[in-house]
Amino acid sequence: MPEGSHAPAHLYQLVLPQAGQQSALIKHLAAEEIQSTFHYLPLHDSDAGRRYGRLGTPCPVTESVSASLVRLPLHPGLSSDDVARVIAAVQSYEV
């Protein structure tokens, strides 16, 4: 990044090795009182995509990433202790 500029960070996400781990990590973090969520719905899987889309080929990479991505908390009010707690909770999750 150029000197004097700041990252417009508004998302922090992890892409898990396997699609089935997404909901398990979200549940694991919830048990630690950490809010996380899935983040990405492929356009062709959205209501409008199904209705108006014209996808002629499969999108296995898009679908795999969608099923593997977990968005972690990131906001200006996050303290250093909060960040450390999120990191510890993620690291304690067994893949």
PDB file of N, CA and C in Angstrom:
ATOM      1  N   MET A   1       0.845  -1.188   0.000  1.00  0.00           N
ATOM      2  CA  MET A   1       0.000   0.000   0.000  1.00  0.00           C
ATOM      3  C   MET A   1       0.883   1.241   0.000  1.00  0.00           C
ATOM      4  N   PRO A   2       0.454   2.261  -0.665  1.00  0.00           N
ATOM      5  CA  PRO A   2       1.223   3.503  -0.682  1.00  0.00           C
ATOM      6  C   PRO A   2       1.329   4.105   0.720  1.00  0.00           C
ATOM      7  N   GLU A   3       2.449   4.735   0.989  1.00  0.00           N
ATOM      8  CA  GLU A   3       2.651   5.387   2.271  1.00  0.00           C
ATOM      9  C   GLU A   3       1.553   6.429   2.505  1.00  0.00           C
ATOM     10  N   GLY A   4       1.063   6.480   3.736  1.00  0.00           N
ATOM     11  CA  GLY A   4       0.032   7.446   4.078  1.00  0.00           C
ATOM     12  C   GLY A   4      -1.379   6.983   3.785  1.00  0.00           C
ATOM     13  N   SER A   5      -1.523   5.809   3.188  1.00  0.00           N
ATOM     14  CA  SER A   5      -2.869   5.301   2.917  1.00  0.00           C
ATOM     15  C   SER A   5      -3.222   4.232   3.943  1.00  0.00           C
ATOM     16  N   HIS A   6      -4.497   3.952   4.035  1.00  0.00           N
ATOM     17  CA  HIS A   6      -4.981   2.962   5.000  1.00  0.00           C
ATOM     18  C   HIS A   6      -5.865   1.956   4.277  1.00  0.00           C
ATOM     19  N   ALA A   7      -5.786   0.717   4.723  1.00  0.00           N
ATOM     20  CA  ALA A   7      -6.609  -0.335   4.131  1.00  0.00           C
ATOM     21  C   ALA A   7      -8.073  -0.097   4.489  1.00  0.00           C
ATOM     22  N   PRO A   8      -8.966  -0.249   3.539  1.00  0.00           N
ATOM     23  CA  PRO A   8     -10.391  -0.092   3.835  1.00  0.00           C
ATOM     24  C   PRO A   8     -10.997  -1.409   4.323  1.00  0.00           C
ATOM     25  N   ALA A   9     -10.293  -2.072   5.216  1.00  0.00           N
ATOM     26  CA  ALA A   9     -10.711  -3.396   5.667  1.00  0.00           C
ATOM     27  C   ALA A   9     -12.141  -3.359   6.183  1.00  0.00           C
ATOM     28  N   HIS A  10     -12.978  -4.189   5.618  1.00  0.00           N
ATOM     29  CA  HIS A  10     -14.345  -4.294   6.098  1.00  0.00           C
ATOM     30  C   HIS A  10     -14.773  -5.747   6.205  1.00  0.00           C
ATOM     31  N   LEU A  11     -13.918  -6.647   5.764  1.00  0.00           N
ATOM     32  CA  LEU A  11     -14.201  -8.080   5.870  1.00  0.00           C
ATOM     33  C   LEU A  11     -12.911  -8.813   6.219  1.00  0.00           C
ATOM     34  N   TYR A  12     -13.056  -9.836   7.014  1.00  0.00           N
ATOM     35  CA  TYR A  12     -11.940 -10.750   7.253  1.00  0.00           C
ATOM     36  C   TYR A  12     -12.532 -12.140   7.194  1.00  0.00           C
ATOM     37  N   GLN A  13     -12.048 -12.926   6.280  1.00  0.00           N
ATOM     38  CA  GLN A  13     -12.628 -14.250   6.113  1.00  0.00           C
ATOM     39  C   GLN A  13     -11.550 -15.323   6.046  1.00  0.00           C
ATOM     40  N   LEU A  14     -11.989 -16.525   6.356  1.00  0.00           N
ATOM     41  CA  LEU A  14     -11.157 -17.717   6.232  1.00  0.00           C
ATOM     42  C   LEU A  14     -11.805 -18.618   5.192  1.00  0.00           C
ATOM     43  N   VAL A  15     -10.990 -19.284   4.403  1.00  0.00           N
ATOM     44  CA  VAL A  15     -11.493 -20.302   3.496  1.00  0.00           C
ATOM     45  C   VAL A  15     -10.979 -21.633   4.035  1.00  0.00           C
ATOM     46  N   LEU A  16     -11.900 -22.458   4.466  1.00  0.00           N
ATOM     47  CA  LEU A  16     -11.560 -23.740   5.081  1.00  0.00           C
ATOM     48  C   LEU A  16     -11.193 -24.771   4.020  1.00  0.00           C
ATOM     49  N   PRO A  17     -10.407 -25.781   4.408  1.00  0.00           N
ATOM     50  CA  PRO A  17      -9.976 -26.785   3.434  1.00  0.00           C
ATOM     51  C   PRO A  17     -11.106 -27.577   2.784  1.00  0.00           C
ATOM     52  N   GLN A  18     -12.197 -27.798   3.524  1.00  0.00           N
ATOM     53  CA  GLN A  18     -13.308 -28.592   2.985  1.00  0.00           C
ATOM     54  C   GLN A  18     -14.631 -27.880   3.256  1.00  0.00           C
ATOM     55  N   ALA A  19     -15.533 -28.015   2.313  1.00  0.00           N
ATOM     56  CA  ALA A  19     -16.814 -27.317   2.394  1.00  0.00           C
ATOM     57  C   ALA A  19     -17.601 -27.674   3.652  1.00  0.00           C
ATOM     58  N   GLY A  20     -17.599 -28.890   4.082  1.00  0.00           N
ATOM     59  CA  GLY A  20     -18.401 -29.307   5.230  1.00  0.00           C
ATOM     60  C   GLY A  20     -17.962 -28.707   6.546  1.00  0.00           C
ATOM     61  N   GLN A  21     -16.830 -28.047   6.566  1.00  0.00           N
ATOM     62  CA  GLN A  21     -16.316 -27.495   7.821  1.00  0.00           C
ATOM     63  C   GLN A  21     -16.877 -26.110   8.132  1.00  0.00           C
ATOM     64  N   GLN A  22     -17.507 -25.476   7.174  1.00  0.00           N
ATOM     65  CA  GLN A  22     -18.010 -24.111   7.359  1.00  0.00           C
ATOM     66  C   GLN A  22     -18.970 -24.028   8.549  1.00  0.00           C
ATOM     67  N   SER A  23     -20.014 -24.813   8.538  1.00  0.00           N
ATOM     68  CA  SER A  23     -21.008 -24.718   9.618  1.00  0.00           C
ATOM     69  C   SER A  23     -20.424 -25.181  10.946  1.00  0.00           C
ATOM     70  N   ALA A  24     -19.499 -26.131  10.915  1.00  0.00           N
ATOM     71  CA  ALA A  24     -18.878 -26.595  12.155  1.00  0.00           C
ATOM     72  C   ALA A  24     -18.042 -25.490  12.800  1.00  0.00           C
ATOM     73  N   LEU A  25     -17.292 -24.738  12.004  1.00  0.00           N
ATOM     74  CA  LEU A  25     -16.508 -23.641  12.567  1.00  0.00           C
ATOM     75  C   LEU A  25     -17.430 -22.540  13.090  1.00  0.00           C
ATOM     76  N   ILE A  26     -18.477 -22.220  12.363  1.00  0.00           N
ATOM     77  CA  ILE A  26     -19.428 -21.207  12.827  1.00  0.00           C
ATOM     78  C   ILE A  26     -20.038 -21.625  14.171  1.00  0.00           C
ATOM     79  N   LYS A  27     -20.398 -22.893  14.324  1.00  0.00           N
ATOM     80  CA  LYS A  27     -20.944 -23.390  15.600  1.00  0.00           C
ATOM     81  C   LYS A  27     -19.896 -23.348  16.705  1.00  0.00           C
ATOM     82  N   HIS A  28     -18.668 -23.726  16.358  1.00  0.00           N
ATOM     83  CA  HIS A  28     -17.564 -23.700  17.329  1.00  0.00           C
ATOM     84  C   HIS A  28     -17.354 -22.277  17.850  1.00  0.00           C
ATOM     85  N   LEU A  29     -17.335 -21.308  16.948  1.00  0.00           N
ATOM     86  CA  LEU A  29     -17.138 -19.919  17.360  1.00  0.00           C
ATOM     87  C   LEU A  29     -18.336 -19.409  18.161  1.00  0.00           C
ATOM     88  N   ALA A  30     -19.537 -19.808  17.788  1.00  0.00           N
ATOM     89  CA  ALA A  30     -20.735 -19.401  18.536  1.00  0.00           C
ATOM     90  C   ALA A  30     -20.665 -19.898  19.978  1.00  0.00           C
ATOM     91  N   ALA A  31     -20.137 -21.107  20.168  1.00  0.00           N
ATOM     92  CA  ALA A  31     -19.989 -21.652  21.520  1.00  0.00           C
ATOM     93  C   ALA A  31     -19.019 -20.805  22.345  1.00  0.00           C
ATOM     94  N   GLU A  32     -18.131 -20.091  21.671  1.00  0.00           N
ATOM     95  CA  GLU A  32     -17.189 -19.184  22.330  1.00  0.00           C
ATOM     96  C   GLU A  32     -17.721 -17.744  22.348  1.00  0.00           C
ATOM     97  N   GLU A  33     -19.009 -17.584  21.997  1.00  0.00           N
ATOM     98  CA  GLU A  33     -19.686 -16.287  21.943  1.00  0.00           C
ATOM     99  C   GLU A  33     -19.022 -15.330  20.949  1.00  0.00           C
ATOM    100  N   ILE A  34     -18.622 -15.900  19.810  1.00  0.00           N
ATOM    101  CA  ILE A  34     -18.036 -15.124  18.721  1.00  0.00           C
ATOM    102  C   ILE A  34     -18.950 -15.272  17.524  1.00  0.00           C
ATOM    103  N   GLN A  35     -19.438 -14.148  17.046  1.00  0.00           N
ATOM    104  CA  GLN A  35     -20.345 -14.179  15.899  1.00  0.00           C
ATOM    105  C   GLN A  35     -19.547 -14.274  14.608  1.00  0.00           C
ATOM    106  N   SER A  36     -19.883 -15.253  13.810  1.00  0.00           N
ATOM    107  CA  SER A  36     -19.305 -15.418  12.480  1.00  0.00           C
ATOM    108  C   SER A  36     -20.432 -15.884  11.572  1.00  0.00           C
ATOM    109  N   THR A  37     -20.197 -15.848  10.295  1.00  0.00           N
ATOM    110  CA  THR A  37     -21.251 -16.226   9.361  1.00  0.00           C
ATOM    111  C   THR A  37     -20.638 -16.692   8.057  1.00  0.00           C
ATOM    112  N   PHE A  38     -21.453 -17.337   7.233  1.00  0.00           N
ATOM    113  CA  PHE A  38     -21.029 -17.582   5.864  1.00  0.00           C
ATOM    114  C   PHE A  38     -21.113 -16.229   5.192  1.00  0.00           C
ATOM    115  N   HIS A  39     -20.468 -16.056   4.097  1.00  0.00           N
ATOM    116  CA  HIS A  39     -20.461 -14.712   3.519  1.00  0.00           C
ATOM    117  C   HIS A  39     -20.894 -14.645   2.071  1.00  0.00           C
ATOM    118  N   TYR A  40     -20.610 -15.648   1.324  1.00  0.00           N
ATOM    119  CA  TYR A  40     -20.724 -15.510  -0.124  1.00  0.00           C
ATOM    120  C   TYR A  40     -21.737 -16.486  -0.701  1.00  0.00           C
ATOM    121  N   LEU A  41     -22.742 -15.967  -1.353  1.00  0.00           N
ATOM    122  CA  LEU A  41     -23.708 -16.774  -2.087  1.00  0.00           C
ATOM    123  C   LEU A  41     -23.455 -16.534  -3.576  1.00  0.00           C
ATOM    124  N   PRO A  42     -23.092 -17.559  -4.317  1.00  0.00           N
ATOM    125  CA  PRO A  42     -22.858 -17.355  -5.754  1.00  0.00           C
ATOM    126  C   PRO A  42     -24.107 -16.767  -6.414  1.00  0.00           C
ATOM    127  N   LEU A  43     -23.898 -15.872  -7.344  1.00  0.00           N
ATOM    128  CA  LEU A  43     -25.034 -15.232  -8.014  1.00  0.00           C
ATOM    129  C   LEU A  43     -25.988 -16.235  -8.634  1.00  0.00           C
ATOM    130  N   HIS A  44     -25.450 -17.294  -9.226  1.00  0.00           N
ATOM    131  CA  HIS A  44     -26.329 -18.260  -9.880  1.00  0.00           C
ATOM    132  C   HIS A  44     -27.165 -19.058  -8.880  1.00  0.00           C
ATOM    133  N   ASP A  45     -26.805 -19.013  -7.592  1.00  0.00           N
ATOM    134  CA  ASP A  45     -27.596 -19.680  -6.559  1.00  0.00           C
ATOM    135  C   ASP A  45     -28.588 -18.735  -5.872  1.00  0.00           C
ATOM    136  N   SER A  46     -28.518 -17.453  -6.183  1.00  0.00           N
ATOM    137  CA  SER A  46     -29.443 -16.491  -5.584  1.00  0.00           C
ATOM    138  C   SER A  46     -30.812 -16.620  -6.256  1.00  0.00           C
ATOM    139  N   ASP A  47     -31.817 -16.061  -5.613  1.00  0.00           N
ATOM    140  CA  ASP A  47     -33.159 -16.098  -6.204  1.00  0.00           C
ATOM    141  C   ASP A  47     -33.159 -15.484  -7.601  1.00  0.00           C
ATOM    142  N   ALA A  48     -32.556 -14.299  -7.727  1.00  0.00           N
ATOM    143  CA  ALA A  48     -32.525 -13.629  -9.036  1.00  0.00           C
ATOM    144  C   ALA A  48     -31.683 -14.420 -10.034  1.00  0.00           C
ATOM    145  N   GLY A  49     -30.603 -14.995  -9.563  1.00  0.00           N
ATOM    146  CA  GLY A  49     -29.758 -15.792 -10.452  1.00  0.00           C
ATOM    147  C   GLY A  49     -30.491 -16.993 -11.011  1.00  0.00           C
ATOM    148  N   ARG A  50     -31.266 -17.641 -10.154  1.00  0.00           N
ATOM    149  CA  ARG A  50     -32.051 -18.800 -10.617  1.00  0.00           C
ATOM    150  C   ARG A  50     -33.146 -18.355 -11.594  1.00  0.00           C
ATOM    151  N   ARG A  51     -33.716 -17.200 -11.321  1.00  0.00           N
ATOM    152  CA  ARG A  51     -34.819 -16.726 -12.143  1.00  0.00           C
ATOM    153  C   ARG A  51     -34.334 -16.166 -13.482  1.00  0.00           C
ATOM    154  N   TYR A  52     -33.254 -15.369 -13.458  1.00  0.00           N
ATOM    155  CA  TYR A  52     -32.852 -14.645 -14.661  1.00  0.00           C
ATOM    156  C   TYR A  52     -31.515 -15.101 -15.248  1.00  0.00           C
ATOM    157  N   GLY A  53     -30.762 -15.875 -14.492  1.00  0.00           N
ATOM    158  CA  GLY A  53     -29.427 -16.262 -14.938  1.00  0.00           C
ATOM    159  C   GLY A  53     -29.447 -17.226 -16.110  1.00  0.00           C
ATOM    160  N   ARG A  54     -28.338 -17.244 -16.775  1.00  0.00           N
ATOM    161  CA  ARG A  54     -28.204 -18.121 -17.925  1.00  0.00           C
ATOM    162  C   ARG A  54     -26.862 -18.844 -17.856  1.00  0.00           C
ATOM    163  N   LEU A  55     -26.615 -19.456 -16.723  1.00  0.00           N
ATOM    164  CA  LEU A  55     -25.369 -20.174 -16.509  1.00  0.00           C
ATOM    165  C   LEU A  55     -25.391 -21.460 -17.328  1.00  0.00           C
ATOM    166  N   GLY A  56     -24.463 -21.568 -18.257  1.00  0.00           N
ATOM    167  CA  GLY A  56     -24.440 -22.735 -19.123  1.00  0.00           C
ATOM    168  C   GLY A  56     -23.456 -23.800 -18.690  1.00  0.00           C
ATOM    169  N   THR A  57     -22.582 -23.462 -17.758  1.00  0.00           N
ATOM    170  CA  THR A  57     -21.578 -24.429 -17.319  1.00  0.00           C
ATOM    171  C   THR A  57     -21.552 -24.475 -15.798  1.00  0.00           C
ATOM    172  N   PRO A  58     -21.098 -25.587 -15.240  1.00  0.00           N
ATOM    173  CA  PRO A  58     -20.980 -25.681 -13.780  1.00  0.00           C
ATOM    174  C   PRO A  58     -19.919 -24.709 -13.256  1.00  0.00           C
ATOM    175  N   CYS A  59     -20.035 -24.334 -12.027  1.00  0.00           N
ATOM    176  CA  CYS A  59     -19.070 -23.433 -11.373  1.00  0.00           C
ATOM    177  C   CYS A  59     -18.549 -24.093 -10.093  1.00  0.00           C
ATOM    178  N   PRO A  60     -17.803 -25.179 -10.196  1.00  0.00           N
ATOM    179  CA  PRO A  60     -17.406 -25.918  -8.993  1.00  0.00           C
ATOM    180  C   PRO A  60     -16.497 -25.130  -8.050  1.00  0.00           C
ATOM    181  N   VAL A  61     -15.629 -24.284  -8.558  1.00  0.00           N
ATOM    182  CA  VAL A  61     -14.747 -23.511  -7.681  1.00  0.00           C
ATOM    183  C   VAL A  61     -15.567 -22.486  -6.909  1.00  0.00           C
ATOM    184  N   THR A  62     -16.448 -21.778  -7.595  1.00  0.00           N
ATOM    185  CA  THR A  62     -17.318 -20.788  -6.956  1.00  0.00           C
ATOM    186  C   THR A  62     -18.143 -21.450  -5.863  1.00  0.00           C
ATOM    187  N   GLU A  63     -18.733 -22.580  -6.153  1.00  0.00           N
ATOM    188  CA  GLU A  63     -19.575 -23.274  -5.183  1.00  0.00           C
ATOM    189  C   GLU A  63     -18.758 -23.799  -4.011  1.00  0.00           C
ATOM    190  N   SER A  64     -17.544 -24.276  -4.270  1.00  0.00           N
ATOM    191  CA  SER A  64     -16.688 -24.772  -3.202  1.00  0.00           C
ATOM    192  C   SER A  64     -16.268 -23.643  -2.263  1.00  0.00           C
ATOM    193  N   VAL A  65     -15.863 -22.510  -2.831  1.00  0.00           N
ATOM    194  CA  VAL A  65     -15.471 -21.375  -1.991  1.00  0.00           C
ATOM    195  C   VAL A  65     -16.663 -20.878  -1.188  1.00  0.00           C
ATOM    196  N   SER A  66     -17.820 -20.806  -1.798  1.00  0.00           N
ATOM    197  CA  SER A  66     -19.018 -20.367  -1.099  1.00  0.00           C
ATOM    198  C   SER A  66     -19.305 -21.256   0.109  1.00  0.00           C
ATOM    199  N   ALA A  67     -19.107 -22.534  -0.036  1.00  0.00           N
ATOM    200  CA  ALA A  67     -19.397 -23.489   1.035  1.00  0.00           C
ATOM    201  C   ALA A  67     -18.261 -23.612   2.042  1.00  0.00           C
ATOM    202  N   SER A  68     -17.136 -22.947   1.780  1.00  0.00           N
ATOM    203  CA  SER A  68     -15.955 -23.070   2.644  1.00  0.00           C
ATOM    204  C   SER A  68     -15.589 -21.777   3.356  1.00  0.00           C
ATOM    205  N   LEU A  69     -16.193 -20.669   2.983  1.00  0.00           N
ATOM    206  CA  LEU A  69     -15.788 -19.356   3.481  1.00  0.00           C
ATOM    207  C   LEU A  69     -16.554 -18.996   4.749  1.00  0.00           C
ATOM    208  N   VAL A  70     -15.828 -18.532   5.758  1.00  0.00           N
ATOM    209  CA  VAL A  70     -16.424 -18.072   7.017  1.00  0.00           C
ATOM    210  C   VAL A  70     -15.935 -16.651   7.263  1.00  0.00           C
ATOM    211  N   ARG A  71     -16.872 -15.751   7.500  1.00  0.00           N
ATOM    212  CA  ARG A  71     -16.520 -14.360   7.788  1.00  0.00           C
ATOM    213  C   ARG A  71     -16.386 -14.182   9.297  1.00  0.00           C
ATOM    214  N   LEU A  72     -15.248 -13.634   9.698  1.00  0.00           N
ATOM    215  CA  LEU A  72     -14.974 -13.382  11.107  1.00  0.00           C
ATOM    216  C   LEU A  72     -15.333 -11.942  11.461  1.00  0.00           C
ATOM    217  N   PRO A  73     -15.514 -11.648  12.762  1.00  0.00           N
ATOM    218  CA  PRO A  73     -15.855 -10.282  13.151  1.00  0.00           C
ATOM    219  C   PRO A  73     -14.714  -9.316  12.821  1.00  0.00           C
ATOM    220  N   LEU A  74     -15.073  -8.172  12.281  1.00  0.00           N
ATOM    221  CA  LEU A  74     -14.116  -7.095  12.008  1.00  0.00           C
ATOM    222  C   LEU A  74     -14.894  -5.790  12.030  1.00  0.00           C
ATOM    223  N   HIS A  75     -14.600  -4.953  13.015  1.00  0.00           N
ATOM    224  CA  HIS A  75     -15.264  -3.659  13.128  1.00  0.00           C
ATOM    225  C   HIS A  75     -14.399  -2.739  13.987  1.00  0.00           C
ATOM    226  N   PRO A  76     -14.632  -1.442  13.913  1.00  0.00           N
ATOM    227  CA  PRO A  76     -13.780  -0.489  14.633  1.00  0.00           C
ATOM    228  C   PRO A  76     -13.774  -0.675  16.156  1.00  0.00           C
ATOM    229  N   GLY A  77     -14.836  -1.234  16.711  1.00  0.00           N
ATOM    230  CA  GLY A  77     -14.907  -1.408  18.159  1.00  0.00           C
ATOM    231  C   GLY A  77     -14.203  -2.653  18.671  1.00  0.00           C
ATOM    232  N   LEU A  78     -13.592  -3.410  17.803  1.00  0.00           N
ATOM    233  CA  LEU A  78     -12.913  -4.648  18.199  1.00  0.00           C
ATOM    234  C   LEU A  78     -11.609  -4.295  18.923  1.00  0.00           C
ATOM    235  N   SER A  79     -11.493  -4.711  20.167  1.00  0.00           N
ATOM    236  CA  SER A  79     -10.284  -4.409  20.937  1.00  0.00           C
ATOM    237  C   SER A  79      -9.199  -5.445  20.636  1.00  0.00           C
ATOM    238  N   SER A  80      -8.002  -5.175  21.082  1.00  0.00           N
ATOM    239  CA  SER A  80      -6.900  -6.138  20.923  1.00  0.00           C
ATOM    240  C   SER A  80      -7.225  -7.443  21.644  1.00  0.00           C
ATOM    241  N   ASP A  81      -7.885  -7.340  22.793  1.00  0.00           N
ATOM    242  CA  ASP A  81      -8.282  -8.549  23.524  1.00  0.00           C
ATOM    243  C   ASP A  81      -9.319  -9.346  22.733  1.00  0.00           C
ATOM    244  N   ASP A  82     -10.259  -8.645  22.089  1.00  0.00           N
ATOM    245  CA  ASP A  82     -11.255  -9.322  21.253  1.00  0.00           C
ATOM    246  C   ASP A  82     -10.574 -10.064  20.111  1.00  0.00           C
ATOM    247  N   VAL A  83      -9.629  -9.397  19.469  1.00  0.00           N
ATOM    248  CA  VAL A  83      -8.906 -10.014  18.354  1.00  0.00           C
ATOM    249  C   VAL A  83      -8.184 -11.263  18.839  1.00  0.00           C
ATOM    250  N   ALA A  84      -7.516 -11.165  19.987  1.00  0.00           N
ATOM    251  CA  ALA A  84      -6.797 -12.320  20.537  1.00  0.00           C
ATOM    252  C   ALA A  84      -7.760 -13.460  20.840  1.00  0.00           C
ATOM    253  N   ARG A  85      -8.947 -13.134  21.340  1.00  0.00           N
ATOM    254  CA  ARG A  85      -9.949 -14.167  21.658  1.00  0.00           C
ATOM    255  C   ARG A  85     -10.444 -14.861  20.395  1.00  0.00           C
ATOM    256  N   VAL A  86     -10.668 -14.091  19.324  1.00  0.00           N
ATOM    257  CA  VAL A  86     -11.098 -14.681  18.045  1.00  0.00           C
ATOM    258  C   VAL A  86     -10.002 -15.593  17.502  1.00  0.00           C
ATOM    259  N   ILE A  87      -8.772 -15.114  17.534  1.00  0.00           N
ATOM    260  CA  ILE A  87      -7.650 -15.921  17.037  1.00  0.00           C
ATOM    261  C   ILE A  87      -7.540 -17.223  17.823  1.00  0.00           C
ATOM    262  N   ALA A  88      -7.616 -17.131  19.146  1.00  0.00           N
ATOM    263  CA  ALA A  88      -7.513 -18.342  19.981  1.00  0.00           C
ATOM    264  C   ALA A  88      -8.645 -19.316  19.678  1.00  0.00           C
ATOM    265  N   ALA A  89      -9.846 -18.804  19.488  1.00  0.00           N
ATOM    266  CA  ALA A  89     -10.981 -19.682  19.194  1.00  0.00           C
ATOM    267  C   ALA A  89     -10.820 -20.363  17.840  1.00  0.00           C
ATOM    268  N   VAL A  90     -10.352 -19.628  16.849  1.00  0.00           N
ATOM    269  CA  VAL A  90     -10.133 -20.225  15.529  1.00  0.00           C
ATOM    270  C   VAL A  90      -9.046 -21.281  15.628  1.00  0.00           C
ATOM    271  N   GLN A  91      -7.961 -20.970  16.334  1.00  0.00           N
ATOM    272  CA  GLN A  91      -6.868 -21.928  16.452  1.00  0.00           C
ATOM    273  C   GLN A  91      -7.270 -23.177  17.241  1.00  0.00           C
ATOM    274  N   SER A  92      -8.245 -23.055  18.113  1.00  0.00           N
ATOM    275  CA  SER A  92      -8.672 -24.222  18.891  1.00  0.00           C
ATOM    276  C   SER A  92      -9.624 -25.128  18.111  1.00  0.00           C
ATOM    277  N   TYR A  93     -10.096 -24.658  16.970  1.00  0.00           N
ATOM    278  CA  TYR A  93     -10.971 -25.467  16.121  1.00  0.00           C
ATOM    279  C   TYR A  93     -10.136 -26.545  15.441  1.00  0.00           C
ATOM    280  N   GLU A  94     -10.583 -27.772  15.547  1.00  0.00           N
ATOM    281  CA  GLU A  94      -9.854 -28.882  14.939  1.00  0.00           C
ATOM    282  C   GLU A  94     -10.448 -29.215  13.593  1.00  0.00           C
ATOM    283  N   VAL A  95      -9.652 -29.023  12.556  1.00  0.00           N
ATOM    284  CA  VAL A  95     -10.085 -29.281  11.182  1.00  0.00           C
ATOM    285  C   VAL A  95     -10.209 -30.772  10.974  1.00  0.00           C
TER     286      VAL A  95
END
